[in-house]
């Protein structure tokens, strides 16, 4: 069959919406007609990364409806509403080889692609969702929520009453803030350079706002938390914040308590040095890949939070685009014009 998809032909150039051919599903693959897809900052890295293979189909979080399932697929069937993600739904099970789409005879390999009207992917990236739940804003569960909220409940296992600081209040950072609030963390400190992003963060559970453009962010976090936070998150990944989160966590006291934990969530693209002296006091450093997830288990919890009004996806998704407007969405994200998350909607 054929479908319309956004295809990148040259690094750093606009995407082209074109018709691609999709093969029949392999025994362990699922063909999904998409409802909506998130637009994640990590796709910007792919667009500008000279190592990315060309041509390239992008996107890795979405919702849709199953159109066809391979013979070995048992957890979903035709007509089921599903969420798509980029990490296996069941840890320990390796997904099959990527799908080979074709564009006028040229092969395009993609394990997951969601900037397309239809997606064919291994069943390990397809998570069933209950009927009756909004399928537009839940498109961001497959990455933004999984990564941000998972970094709280899985990677760090934050407990009620523990203190949290989040450096970077984009879509993932806001999901960290929300999850921290849901589990009862306090205080929850949002740090960003942009005043408007900090104001937006106040609606997602932040108890304190720190404008890093106007003050020493680390000193302010230490002051608010009376000595450093239990957990500091970097949702950006630039050299400065990679180090700042370690400086912002509390030192341990031998025999009394462990030091705090710095959790790196953002994508790091530049070499960064960390002074080993910062680990004194048993301060710890952890990287969270996609929120250390178990999607089959976690996504149901996140949807429960959404239905209960705790996970504010309706507020998180602030802009909507059509597939034909994909370059407008990418440009807006690059320019920092998206508060929260934007999505692509398919008619």
C-alpha atoms as a PDB file:
ATOM      1  CA  UNK A   1       0.000   0.000   0.000  1.00  0.00           C
ATOM      2  CA  UNK A   2       0.975   3.657  -0.242  1.00  0.00           C
ATOM      3  CA  UNK A   3       0.786   6.486   2.287  1.00  0.00           C
ATOM      4  CA  UNK A   4       1.902  10.085   2.716  1.00  0.00           C
ATOM      5  CA  UNK A   5       4.960  10.717   4.859  1.00  0.00           C
ATOM      6  CA  UNK A   6       7.411  13.494   5.712  1.00  0.00           C
ATOM      7  CA  UNK A   7      10.822  12.530   4.328  1.00  0.00           C
ATOM      8  CA  UNK A   8      14.166  14.191   5.000  1.00  0.00           C
ATOM      9  CA  UNK A   9      16.490  14.050   1.995  1.00  0.00           C
ATOM     10  CA  UNK A  10      19.326  16.351   3.154  1.00  0.00           C
ATOM     11  CA  UNK A  11      20.650  17.226   6.615  1.00  0.00           C
ATOM     12  CA  UNK A  12      19.347  20.556   7.831  1.00  0.00           C
ATOM     13  CA  UNK A  13      17.003  20.979   4.863  1.00  0.00           C
ATOM     14  CA  UNK A  14      13.176  21.102   4.873  1.00  0.00           C
ATOM     15  CA  UNK A  15      11.290  17.828   4.906  1.00  0.00           C
ATOM     16  CA  UNK A  16       9.275  16.826   1.846  1.00  0.00           C
ATOM     17  CA  UNK A  17       5.814  15.295   2.198  1.00  0.00           C
ATOM     18  CA  UNK A  18       5.717  12.518  -0.372  1.00  0.00           C
ATOM     19  CA  UNK A  19       4.030   9.214  -1.139  1.00  0.00           C
ATOM     20  CA  UNK A  20       5.879   6.144   0.120  1.00  0.00           C
ATOM     21  CA  UNK A  21       5.221   2.440  -0.320  1.00  0.00           C
ATOM     22  CA  UNK A  22       4.670   0.249   2.731  1.00  0.00           C
ATOM     23  CA  UNK A  23       5.250  -3.516   2.558  1.00  0.00           C
ATOM     24  CA  UNK A  24       2.851  -6.058   4.003  1.00  0.00           C
ATOM     25  CA  UNK A  25       3.331  -6.669   7.740  1.00  0.00           C
ATOM     26  CA  UNK A  26       5.847  -9.327   8.729  1.00  0.00           C
ATOM     27  CA  UNK A  27       4.557 -11.879  11.279  1.00  0.00           C
ATOM     28  CA  UNK A  28       5.647  -9.698  14.236  1.00  0.00           C
ATOM     29  CA  UNK A  29       4.709  -6.309  12.766  1.00  0.00           C
ATOM     30  CA  UNK A  30       1.678  -4.026  13.097  1.00  0.00           C
ATOM     31  CA  UNK A  31       0.281  -1.592  10.525  1.00  0.00           C
ATOM     32  CA  UNK A  32      -1.218   1.470  12.223  1.00  0.00           C
ATOM     33  CA  UNK A  33      -3.273   4.322  10.784  1.00  0.00           C
ATOM     34  CA  UNK A  34      -2.143   7.321  12.797  1.00  0.00           C
ATOM     35  CA  UNK A  35      -4.381   9.782  14.627  1.00  0.00           C
ATOM     36  CA  UNK A  36      -1.699  12.139  15.972  1.00  0.00           C
ATOM     37  CA  UNK A  37       2.069  12.315  16.470  1.00  0.00           C
ATOM     38  CA  UNK A  38       4.263  14.305  18.789  1.00  0.00           C
ATOM     39  CA  UNK A  39       7.111  16.501  17.560  1.00  0.00           C
ATOM     40  CA  UNK A  40      10.095  15.822  19.797  1.00  0.00           C
ATOM     41  CA  UNK A  41      13.266  17.866  20.208  1.00  0.00           C
ATOM     42  CA  UNK A  42      15.335  14.752  19.557  1.00  0.00           C
ATOM     43  CA  UNK A  43      14.152  14.851  15.942  1.00  0.00           C
ATOM     44  CA  UNK A  44      15.981  18.163  15.571  1.00  0.00           C
ATOM     45  CA  UNK A  45      19.201  16.340  16.434  1.00  0.00           C
ATOM     46  CA  UNK A  46      18.441  13.764  13.741  1.00  0.00           C
ATOM     47  CA  UNK A  47      17.652  16.433  11.166  1.00  0.00           C
ATOM     48  CA  UNK A  48      20.970  18.195  11.724  1.00  0.00           C
ATOM     49  CA  UNK A  49      23.145  15.165  12.470  1.00  0.00           C
ATOM     50  CA  UNK A  50      25.415  14.479   9.468  1.00  0.00           C
ATOM     51  CA  UNK A  51      25.615  10.829  10.568  1.00  0.00           C
ATOM     52  CA  UNK A  52      21.860  10.289  10.074  1.00  0.00           C
ATOM     53  CA  UNK A  53      21.228   8.038   7.047  1.00  0.00           C
ATOM     54  CA  UNK A  54      19.406   9.637   4.150  1.00  0.00           C
ATOM     55  CA  UNK A  55      16.604   9.587   3.180  1.00  0.00           C
ATOM     56  CA  UNK A  56      15.074   9.543   6.651  1.00  0.00           C
ATOM     57  CA  UNK A  57      11.571   9.155   8.066  1.00  0.00           C
ATOM     58  CA  UNK A  58      11.116  10.653  11.530  1.00  0.00           C
ATOM     59  CA  UNK A  59       8.867  10.723  14.570  1.00  0.00           C
ATOM     60  CA  UNK A  60       8.664   8.266  17.474  1.00  0.00           C
ATOM     61  CA  UNK A  61       5.553   8.997  19.579  1.00  0.00           C
ATOM     62  CA  UNK A  62       1.990   8.706  18.331  1.00  0.00           C
ATOM     63  CA  UNK A  63      -1.516   7.309  18.654  1.00  0.00           C
ATOM     64  CA  UNK A  64      -3.465   5.435  16.036  1.00  0.00           C
ATOM     65  CA  UNK A  65      -5.703   2.505  15.148  1.00  0.00           C
ATOM     66  CA  UNK A  66      -4.482  -0.930  14.102  1.00  0.00           C
ATOM     67  CA  UNK A  67      -5.295  -1.686  10.464  1.00  0.00           C
ATOM     68  CA  UNK A  68      -3.495  -5.017  10.209  1.00  0.00           C
ATOM     69  CA  UNK A  69      -1.434  -7.219  12.528  1.00  0.00           C
ATOM     70  CA  UNK A  70       1.022  -9.969  11.637  1.00  0.00           C
ATOM     71  CA  UNK A  71       0.253 -13.575  12.475  1.00  0.00           C
ATOM     72  CA  UNK A  72       2.511 -13.664  15.533  1.00  0.00           C
ATOM     73  CA  UNK A  73       0.997 -10.542  17.115  1.00  0.00           C
ATOM     74  CA  UNK A  74      -1.360 -11.393  19.954  1.00  0.00           C
ATOM     75  CA  UNK A  75      -1.704  -8.277  22.141  1.00  0.00           C
ATOM     76  CA  UNK A  76      -3.495  -6.079  19.568  1.00  0.00           C
ATOM     77  CA  UNK A  77      -5.866  -6.683  16.661  1.00  0.00           C
ATOM     78  CA  UNK A  78      -7.499  -4.763  13.830  1.00  0.00           C
ATOM     79  CA  UNK A  79      -9.476  -1.788  15.153  1.00  0.00           C
ATOM     80  CA  UNK A  80      -7.649  -1.462  18.469  1.00  0.00           C
ATOM     81  CA  UNK A  81      -6.543   2.033  19.597  1.00  0.00           C
ATOM     82  CA  UNK A  82      -2.808   2.048  20.297  1.00  0.00           C
ATOM     83  CA  UNK A  83       0.129   4.236  21.312  1.00  0.00           C
ATOM     84  CA  UNK A  84       3.462   4.075  19.488  1.00  0.00           C
ATOM     85  CA  UNK A  85       6.795   4.503  21.195  1.00  0.00           C
ATOM     86  CA  UNK A  86      10.502   4.051  20.492  1.00  0.00           C
ATOM     87  CA  UNK A  87      11.556   1.660  23.265  1.00  0.00           C
ATOM     88  CA  UNK A  88      10.312  -1.932  23.617  1.00  0.00           C
ATOM     89  CA  UNK A  89       7.047  -2.311  25.501  1.00  0.00           C
ATOM     90  CA  UNK A  90       8.425  -5.386  27.259  1.00  0.00           C
ATOM     91  CA  UNK A  91      12.022  -5.025  28.453  1.00  0.00           C
ATOM     92  CA  UNK A  92      14.294  -7.871  27.408  1.00  0.00           C
ATOM     93  CA  UNK A  93      12.569  -8.613  24.097  1.00  0.00           C
ATOM     94  CA  UNK A  94      14.482  -7.472  21.028  1.00  0.00           C
ATOM     95  CA  UNK A  95      12.312  -5.963  18.251  1.00  0.00           C
ATOM     96  CA  UNK A  96      12.603  -7.271  14.706  1.00  0.00           C
ATOM     97  CA  UNK A  97      14.495  -5.588  11.903  1.00  0.00           C
ATOM     98  CA  UNK A  98      13.365  -2.146  10.674  1.00  0.00           C
ATOM     99  CA  UNK A  99      10.623  -1.646   8.114  1.00  0.00           C
ATOM    100  CA  UNK A 100      11.834  -0.920   4.599  1.00  0.00           C
ATOM    101  CA  UNK A 101       9.646   1.762   3.035  1.00  0.00           C
ATOM    102  CA  UNK A 102      10.199   2.705  -0.601  1.00  0.00           C
ATOM    103  CA  UNK A 103      10.117   6.104  -2.269  1.00  0.00           C
ATOM    104  CA  UNK A 104      10.136   5.738  -6.041  1.00  0.00           C
ATOM    105  CA  UNK A 105      12.256   2.622  -5.676  1.00  0.00           C
ATOM    106  CA  UNK A 106      14.651   4.063  -3.076  1.00  0.00           C
ATOM    107  CA  UNK A 107      14.715   2.246   0.254  1.00  0.00           C
ATOM    108  CA  UNK A 108      14.051   4.061   3.555  1.00  0.00           C
ATOM    109  CA  UNK A 109      14.705   2.017   6.692  1.00  0.00           C
ATOM    110  CA  UNK A 110      12.835   2.950   9.879  1.00  0.00           C
ATOM    111  CA  UNK A 111      12.253   1.086  13.130  1.00  0.00           C
ATOM    112  CA  UNK A 112       9.643   3.657  14.164  1.00  0.00           C
ATOM    113  CA  UNK A 113       8.254   6.505  12.042  1.00  0.00           C
ATOM    114  CA  UNK A 114       5.263   8.627  13.036  1.00  0.00           C
ATOM    115  CA  UNK A 115       5.425  11.668  10.755  1.00  0.00           C
ATOM    116  CA  UNK A 116       3.406   9.600   8.331  1.00  0.00           C
ATOM    117  CA  UNK A 117      -0.253   8.772   7.829  1.00  0.00           C
ATOM    118  CA  UNK A 118       0.442   5.049   8.270  1.00  0.00           C
ATOM    119  CA  UNK A 119       3.252   3.350  10.162  1.00  0.00           C
ATOM    120  CA  UNK A 120       4.452  -0.244   9.971  1.00  0.00           C
ATOM    121  CA  UNK A 121       6.545  -1.251  12.946  1.00  0.00           C
ATOM    122  CA  UNK A 122       7.513  -4.154  15.225  1.00  0.00           C
ATOM    123  CA  UNK A 123       4.818  -5.079  17.742  1.00  0.00           C
ATOM    124  CA  UNK A 124       7.269  -4.271  20.548  1.00  0.00           C
ATOM    125  CA  UNK A 125       6.746  -0.552  19.824  1.00  0.00           C
ATOM    126  CA  UNK A 126       2.936  -0.778  19.876  1.00  0.00           C
ATOM    127  CA  UNK A 127       1.084  -0.444  23.204  1.00  0.00           C
ATOM    128  CA  UNK A 128      -2.649  -1.064  23.424  1.00  0.00           C
ATOM    129  CA  UNK A 129      -4.737   1.702  24.980  1.00  0.00           C
ATOM    130  CA  UNK A 130      -8.290   1.576  26.380  1.00  0.00           C
ATOM    131  CA  UNK A 131     -11.128   2.775  24.179  1.00  0.00           C
ATOM    132  CA  UNK A 132     -12.761   6.091  24.990  1.00  0.00           C
ATOM    133  CA  UNK A 133      -9.609   8.057  25.801  1.00  0.00           C
ATOM    134  CA  UNK A 134      -8.722  11.173  23.793  1.00  0.00           C
ATOM    135  CA  UNK A 135      -6.272  10.143  21.066  1.00  0.00           C
ATOM    136  CA  UNK A 136      -4.903  13.560  20.173  1.00  0.00           C
ATOM    137  CA  UNK A 137      -3.043  14.774  23.276  1.00  0.00           C
ATOM    138  CA  UNK A 138      -2.166  11.224  24.356  1.00  0.00           C
ATOM    139  CA  UNK A 139       0.112  11.037  21.304  1.00  0.00           C
ATOM    140  CA  UNK A 140       2.884  12.482  23.500  1.00  0.00           C
ATOM    141  CA  UNK A 141       2.775   9.610  26.004  1.00  0.00           C
ATOM    142  CA  UNK A 142       5.152   7.582  23.812  1.00  0.00           C
ATOM    143  CA  UNK A 143       8.117   9.893  24.416  1.00  0.00           C
ATOM    144  CA  UNK A 144       7.555  13.124  26.363  1.00  0.00           C
ATOM    145  CA  UNK A 145       5.553  11.523  29.164  1.00  0.00           C
ATOM    146  CA  UNK A 146       7.454   8.234  29.090  1.00  0.00           C
ATOM    147  CA  UNK A 147      10.794  10.017  29.312  1.00  0.00           C
ATOM    148  CA  UNK A 148       9.909  12.747  31.786  1.00  0.00           C
ATOM    149  CA  UNK A 149       7.556  10.936  34.125  1.00  0.00           C
ATOM    150  CA  UNK A 150       9.594   7.741  33.890  1.00  0.00           C
ATOM    151  CA  UNK A 151      12.700   9.583  35.061  1.00  0.00           C
ATOM    152  CA  UNK A 152      10.774  10.303  38.270  1.00  0.00           C
ATOM    153  CA  UNK A 153       8.999   7.022  39.002  1.00  0.00           C
ATOM    154  CA  UNK A 154      11.462   4.560  37.436  1.00  0.00           C
ATOM    155  CA  UNK A 155      14.974   5.998  37.232  1.00  0.00           C
ATOM    156  CA  UNK A 156      15.058   7.936  40.504  1.00  0.00           C
ATOM    157  CA  UNK A 157      11.980   6.538  42.267  1.00  0.00           C
ATOM    158  CA  UNK A 158      11.220   9.891  43.892  1.00  0.00           C
ATOM    159  CA  UNK A 159       9.212   9.647  47.120  1.00  0.00           C
ATOM    160  CA  UNK A 160       6.729  11.994  48.775  1.00  0.00           C
ATOM    161  CA  UNK A 161       8.442  14.831  50.609  1.00  0.00           C
ATOM    162  CA  UNK A 162      11.693  14.648  48.650  1.00  0.00           C
ATOM    163  CA  UNK A 163      12.933  17.762  46.867  1.00  0.00           C
ATOM    164  CA  UNK A 164      13.291  18.096  43.106  1.00  0.00           C
ATOM    165  CA  UNK A 165      14.802  20.659  40.735  1.00  0.00           C
ATOM    166  CA  UNK A 166      14.249  20.554  36.971  1.00  0.00           C
ATOM    167  CA  UNK A 167      16.610  22.423  34.658  1.00  0.00           C
ATOM    168  CA  UNK A 168      14.767  23.013  31.375  1.00  0.00           C
ATOM    169  CA  UNK A 169      11.007  23.472  31.116  1.00  0.00           C
ATOM    170  CA  UNK A 170      10.272  22.154  27.641  1.00  0.00           C
ATOM    171  CA  UNK A 171       7.882  19.272  27.018  1.00  0.00           C
ATOM    172  CA  UNK A 172       9.954  16.630  28.800  1.00  0.00           C
ATOM    173  CA  UNK A 173      10.846  18.967  31.671  1.00  0.00           C
ATOM    174  CA  UNK A 174       7.170  19.709  32.249  1.00  0.00           C
ATOM    175  CA  UNK A 175       6.450  15.972  32.425  1.00  0.00           C
ATOM    176  CA  UNK A 176       9.164  15.635  35.072  1.00  0.00           C
ATOM    177  CA  UNK A 177       7.529  18.431  37.051  1.00  0.00           C
ATOM    178  CA  UNK A 178       4.074  16.852  36.763  1.00  0.00           C
ATOM    179  CA  UNK A 179       5.225  13.424  37.884  1.00  0.00           C
ATOM    180  CA  UNK A 180       7.166  14.931  40.792  1.00  0.00           C
ATOM    181  CA  UNK A 181       4.008  16.724  41.906  1.00  0.00           C
ATOM    182  CA  UNK A 182       1.880  13.595  41.523  1.00  0.00           C
ATOM    183  CA  UNK A 183       4.171  11.513  43.768  1.00  0.00           C
ATOM    184  CA  UNK A 184       4.208  14.280  46.378  1.00  0.00           C
ATOM    185  CA  UNK A 185       7.678  15.796  46.009  1.00  0.00           C
ATOM    186  CA  UNK A 186       8.283  19.132  47.747  1.00  0.00           C
ATOM    187  CA  UNK A 187       9.686  21.611  46.984  1.00  0.00           C
ATOM    188  CA  UNK A 188       9.635  21.313  43.187  1.00  0.00           C
ATOM    189  CA  UNK A 189      11.907  23.918  41.619  1.00  0.00           C
ATOM    190  CA  UNK A 190      11.649  24.820  37.919  1.00  0.00           C
ATOM    191  CA  UNK A 191      14.736  26.395  36.319  1.00  0.00           C
ATOM    192  CA  UNK A 192      14.835  27.991  32.871  1.00  0.00           C
ATOM    193  CA  UNK A 193      16.219  30.992  30.997  1.00  0.00           C
ATOM    194  CA  UNK A 194      12.836  32.005  29.573  1.00  0.00           C
ATOM    195  CA  UNK A 195      10.348  33.845  31.761  1.00  0.00           C
ATOM    196  CA  UNK A 196       7.364  32.636  29.736  1.00  0.00           C
ATOM    197  CA  UNK A 197       8.406  28.991  30.114  1.00  0.00           C
ATOM    198  CA  UNK A 198       8.738  29.418  33.873  1.00  0.00           C
ATOM    199  CA  UNK A 199       5.289  30.968  34.095  1.00  0.00           C
ATOM    200  CA  UNK A 200       3.942  28.045  32.080  1.00  0.00           C
ATOM    201  CA  UNK A 201       5.719  25.590  34.409  1.00  0.00           C
ATOM    202  CA  UNK A 202       3.824  26.899  37.411  1.00  0.00           C
ATOM    203  CA  UNK A 203       0.713  25.137  36.073  1.00  0.00           C
ATOM    204  CA  UNK A 204       2.492  21.774  36.084  1.00  0.00           C
ATOM    205  CA  UNK A 205       3.428  21.469  39.733  1.00  0.00           C
ATOM    206  CA  UNK A 206       6.417  23.774  40.217  1.00  0.00           C
ATOM    207  CA  UNK A 207       6.385  25.330  43.677  1.00  0.00           C
ATOM    208  CA  UNK A 208       9.322  27.661  42.967  1.00  0.00           C
ATOM    209  CA  UNK A 209      10.543  29.307  39.755  1.00  0.00           C
ATOM    210  CA  UNK A 210      14.187  30.210  39.109  1.00  0.00           C
ATOM    211  CA  UNK A 211      15.130  32.381  36.146  1.00  0.00           C
ATOM    212  CA  UNK A 212      18.688  31.326  35.266  1.00  0.00           C
ATOM    213  CA  UNK A 213      19.078  34.431  33.104  1.00  0.00           C
ATOM    214  CA  UNK A 214      18.735  36.662  36.150  1.00  0.00           C
ATOM    215  CA  UNK A 215      20.384  34.751  39.003  1.00  0.00           C
ATOM    216  CA  UNK A 216      22.839  32.007  39.889  1.00  0.00           C
ATOM    217  CA  UNK A 217      20.481  29.079  39.390  1.00  0.00           C
ATOM    218  CA  UNK A 218      22.445  26.575  41.461  1.00  0.00           C
ATOM    219  CA  UNK A 219      22.821  28.960  44.403  1.00  0.00           C
ATOM    220  CA  UNK A 220      19.096  29.691  44.282  1.00  0.00           C
ATOM    221  CA  UNK A 221      18.177  25.997  44.214  1.00  0.00           C
ATOM    222  CA  UNK A 222      20.445  25.328  47.185  1.00  0.00           C
ATOM    223  CA  UNK A 223      18.891  28.260  49.050  1.00  0.00           C
ATOM    224  CA  UNK A 224      15.304  27.169  48.394  1.00  0.00           C
ATOM    225  CA  UNK A 225      15.999  23.541  49.308  1.00  0.00           C
ATOM    226  CA  UNK A 226      18.102  24.482  52.348  1.00  0.00           C
ATOM    227  CA  UNK A 227      21.286  22.742  51.265  1.00  0.00           C
ATOM    228  CA  UNK A 228      20.565  21.092  47.932  1.00  0.00           C
ATOM    229  CA  UNK A 229      17.812  18.953  46.449  1.00  0.00           C
ATOM    230  CA  UNK A 230      17.370  15.204  46.628  1.00  0.00           C
ATOM    231  CA  UNK A 231      17.044  15.015  42.835  1.00  0.00           C
ATOM    232  CA  UNK A 232      18.106  17.468  40.134  1.00  0.00           C
ATOM    233  CA  UNK A 233      17.118  16.817  36.510  1.00  0.00           C
ATOM    234  CA  UNK A 234      18.740  18.107  33.344  1.00  0.00           C
ATOM    235  CA  UNK A 235      16.109  18.131  30.591  1.00  0.00           C
ATOM    236  CA  UNK A 236      18.362  20.101  28.217  1.00  0.00           C
ATOM    237  CA  UNK A 237      21.741  18.386  27.873  1.00  0.00           C
ATOM    238  CA  UNK A 238      24.102  21.313  27.285  1.00  0.00           C
ATOM    239  CA  UNK A 239      27.503  21.306  29.061  1.00  0.00           C
ATOM    240  CA  UNK A 240      26.463  23.937  31.603  1.00  0.00           C
ATOM    241  CA  UNK A 241      23.341  22.140  32.821  1.00  0.00           C
ATOM    242  CA  UNK A 242      25.066  18.730  32.796  1.00  0.00           C
ATOM    243  CA  UNK A 243      27.334  20.093  35.546  1.00  0.00           C
ATOM    244  CA  UNK A 244      24.782  22.309  37.281  1.00  0.00           C
ATOM    245  CA  UNK A 245      22.528  19.446  38.289  1.00  0.00           C
ATOM    246  CA  UNK A 246      25.354  17.750  40.196  1.00  0.00           C
ATOM    247  CA  UNK A 247      26.194  20.990  41.976  1.00  0.00           C
ATOM    248  CA  UNK A 248      22.526  21.453  42.892  1.00  0.00           C
ATOM    249  CA  UNK A 249      22.028  18.193  44.795  1.00  0.00           C
ATOM    250  CA  UNK A 250      22.676  17.873  48.518  1.00  0.00           C
ATOM    251  CA  UNK A 251      25.793  16.273  49.973  1.00  0.00           C
ATOM    252  CA  UNK A 252      25.472  13.149  52.061  1.00  0.00           C
ATOM    253  CA  UNK A 253      26.461  12.806  55.690  1.00  0.00           C
ATOM    254  CA  UNK A 254      28.374   9.597  56.544  1.00  0.00           C
ATOM    255  CA  UNK A 255      26.223   7.318  58.630  1.00  0.00           C
ATOM    256  CA  UNK A 256      23.150   9.536  58.306  1.00  0.00           C
ATOM    257  CA  UNK A 257      22.129   9.947  54.671  1.00  0.00           C
ATOM    258  CA  UNK A 258      23.209   9.495  51.074  1.00  0.00           C
ATOM    259  CA  UNK A 259      23.898  12.441  48.839  1.00  0.00           C
ATOM    260  CA  UNK A 260      21.418  13.593  46.237  1.00  0.00           C
ATOM    261  CA  UNK A 261      21.150  12.278  42.701  1.00  0.00           C
ATOM    262  CA  UNK A 262      21.680  14.228  39.477  1.00  0.00           C
ATOM    263  CA  UNK A 263      19.626  12.728  36.637  1.00  0.00           C
ATOM    264  CA  UNK A 264      20.556  13.475  33.035  1.00  0.00           C
ATOM    265  CA  UNK A 265      17.542  13.277  30.723  1.00  0.00           C
ATOM    266  CA  UNK A 266      18.412  15.653  27.868  1.00  0.00           C
ATOM    267  CA  UNK A 267      20.422  14.616  24.811  1.00  0.00           C
ATOM    268  CA  UNK A 268      24.097  15.567  25.098  1.00  0.00           C
ATOM    269  CA  UNK A 269      25.791  16.403  21.798  1.00  0.00           C
ATOM    270  CA  UNK A 270      28.962  18.126  23.063  1.00  0.00           C
ATOM    271  CA  UNK A 271      31.895  16.804  25.119  1.00  0.00           C
ATOM    272  CA  UNK A 272      31.471  17.757  28.774  1.00  0.00           C
ATOM    273  CA  UNK A 273      33.866  17.574  31.735  1.00  0.00           C
ATOM    274  CA  UNK A 274      32.731  17.071  35.327  1.00  0.00           C
ATOM    275  CA  UNK A 275      35.066  17.772  38.253  1.00  0.00           C
ATOM    276  CA  UNK A 276      35.342  14.576  40.290  1.00  0.00           C
ATOM    277  CA  UNK A 277      35.358  16.691  43.458  1.00  0.00           C
ATOM    278  CA  UNK A 278      31.650  17.326  42.879  1.00  0.00           C
ATOM    279  CA  UNK A 279      30.954  13.703  43.792  1.00  0.00           C
ATOM    280  CA  UNK A 280      32.177  14.257  47.338  1.00  0.00           C
ATOM    281  CA  UNK A 281      29.469  13.674  49.884  1.00  0.00           C
ATOM    282  CA  UNK A 282      28.278  10.638  47.906  1.00  0.00           C
ATOM    283  CA  UNK A 283      26.493  12.727  45.322  1.00  0.00           C
ATOM    284  CA  UNK A 284      25.336  10.412  42.553  1.00  0.00           C
ATOM    285  CA  UNK A 285      24.897  10.824  38.799  1.00  0.00           C
ATOM    286  CA  UNK A 286      22.503   8.813  36.661  1.00  0.00           C
ATOM    287  CA  UNK A 287      21.448   8.964  33.020  1.00  0.00           C
ATOM    288  CA  UNK A 288      17.810   8.194  32.292  1.00  0.00           C
ATOM    289  CA  UNK A 289      17.242   6.726  28.819  1.00  0.00           C
ATOM    290  CA  UNK A 290      13.635   7.280  27.862  1.00  0.00           C
ATOM    291  CA  UNK A 291      12.585   7.200  31.505  1.00  0.00           C
ATOM    292  CA  UNK A 292      13.899   3.663  32.193  1.00  0.00           C
ATOM    293  CA  UNK A 293      10.515   2.472  30.930  1.00  0.00           C
ATOM    294  CA  UNK A 294       8.326  -0.570  30.912  1.00  0.00           C
ATOM    295  CA  UNK A 295       5.671   0.799  28.510  1.00  0.00           C
ATOM    296  CA  UNK A 296       3.202  -2.065  28.911  1.00  0.00           C
ATOM    297  CA  UNK A 297       3.037  -1.246  32.626  1.00  0.00           C
ATOM    298  CA  UNK A 298       3.817   2.475  32.689  1.00  0.00           C
ATOM    299  CA  UNK A 299       1.489   3.702  29.939  1.00  0.00           C
ATOM    300  CA  UNK A 300      -1.591   2.423  31.736  1.00  0.00           C
ATOM    301  CA  UNK A 301      -0.538   4.379  34.823  1.00  0.00           C
ATOM    302  CA  UNK A 302       0.011   7.543  32.790  1.00  0.00           C
ATOM    303  CA  UNK A 303      -3.422   7.207  31.169  1.00  0.00           C
ATOM    304  CA  UNK A 304      -4.952   6.763  34.635  1.00  0.00           C
ATOM    305  CA  UNK A 305      -3.240   9.979  35.723  1.00  0.00           C
ATOM    306  CA  UNK A 306      -4.628  11.698  32.626  1.00  0.00           C
ATOM    307  CA  UNK A 307      -8.187  10.494  33.258  1.00  0.00           C
ATOM    308  CA  UNK A 308      -7.917  11.583  36.885  1.00  0.00           C
ATOM    309  CA  UNK A 309      -6.855  15.080  35.850  1.00  0.00           C
ATOM    310  CA  UNK A 310      -3.375  14.747  37.372  1.00  0.00           C
ATOM    311  CA  UNK A 311      -1.430  14.547  34.090  1.00  0.00           C
ATOM    312  CA  UNK A 312      -2.405  17.704  32.241  1.00  0.00           C
ATOM    313  CA  UNK A 313      -1.906  16.649  28.641  1.00  0.00           C
ATOM    314  CA  UNK A 314      -4.572  19.094  27.451  1.00  0.00           C
ATOM    315  CA  UNK A 315      -2.400  21.922  28.752  1.00  0.00           C
ATOM    316  CA  UNK A 316       0.891  20.320  27.702  1.00  0.00           C
ATOM    317  CA  UNK A 317      -0.135  20.217  24.024  1.00  0.00           C
ATOM    318  CA  UNK A 318      -0.289  23.854  22.982  1.00  0.00           C
ATOM    319  CA  UNK A 319      -0.026  23.792  19.180  1.00  0.00           C
ATOM    320  CA  UNK A 320      -1.341  21.544  16.428  1.00  0.00           C
ATOM    321  CA  UNK A 321      -0.178  21.147  12.840  1.00  0.00           C
ATOM    322  CA  UNK A 322      -1.134  19.122   9.756  1.00  0.00           C
ATOM    323  CA  UNK A 323       1.365  16.811   8.085  1.00  0.00           C
ATOM    324  CA  UNK A 324       1.620  19.348   5.257  1.00  0.00           C
ATOM    325  CA  UNK A 325       2.786  21.865   7.882  1.00  0.00           C
ATOM    326  CA  UNK A 326       5.556  19.666   9.299  1.00  0.00           C
ATOM    327  CA  UNK A 327       8.287  22.187   8.445  1.00  0.00           C
ATOM    328  CA  UNK A 328       6.363  24.920  10.282  1.00  0.00           C
ATOM    329  CA  UNK A 329       6.273  22.668  13.358  1.00  0.00           C
ATOM    330  CA  UNK A 330      10.003  21.945  13.122  1.00  0.00           C
ATOM    331  CA  UNK A 331      10.856  25.626  12.676  1.00  0.00           C
ATOM    332  CA  UNK A 332       8.686  26.663  15.626  1.00  0.00           C
ATOM    333  CA  UNK A 333      10.397  24.061  17.822  1.00  0.00           C
ATOM    334  CA  UNK A 334      13.861  25.162  16.694  1.00  0.00           C
ATOM    335  CA  UNK A 335      13.069  28.797  17.482  1.00  0.00           C
ATOM    336  CA  UNK A 336      11.767  28.012  20.960  1.00  0.00           C
ATOM    337  CA  UNK A 337       8.234  29.052  20.036  1.00  0.00           C
ATOM    338  CA  UNK A 338       6.563  25.925  21.437  1.00  0.00           C
ATOM    339  CA  UNK A 339       5.476  25.961  25.062  1.00  0.00           C
ATOM    340  CA  UNK A 340       5.012  22.372  26.153  1.00  0.00           C
ATOM    341  CA  UNK A 341       4.542  20.075  23.181  1.00  0.00           C
ATOM    342  CA  UNK A 342       3.103  20.351  19.685  1.00  0.00           C
ATOM    343  CA  UNK A 343       1.478  17.555  17.704  1.00  0.00           C
ATOM    344  CA  UNK A 344       0.770  16.592  14.110  1.00  0.00           C
ATOM    345  CA  UNK A 345      -2.874  15.662  13.525  1.00  0.00           C
ATOM    346  CA  UNK A 346      -3.969  13.353  10.718  1.00  0.00           C
ATOM    347  CA  UNK A 347      -7.395  13.828   9.144  1.00  0.00           C
END
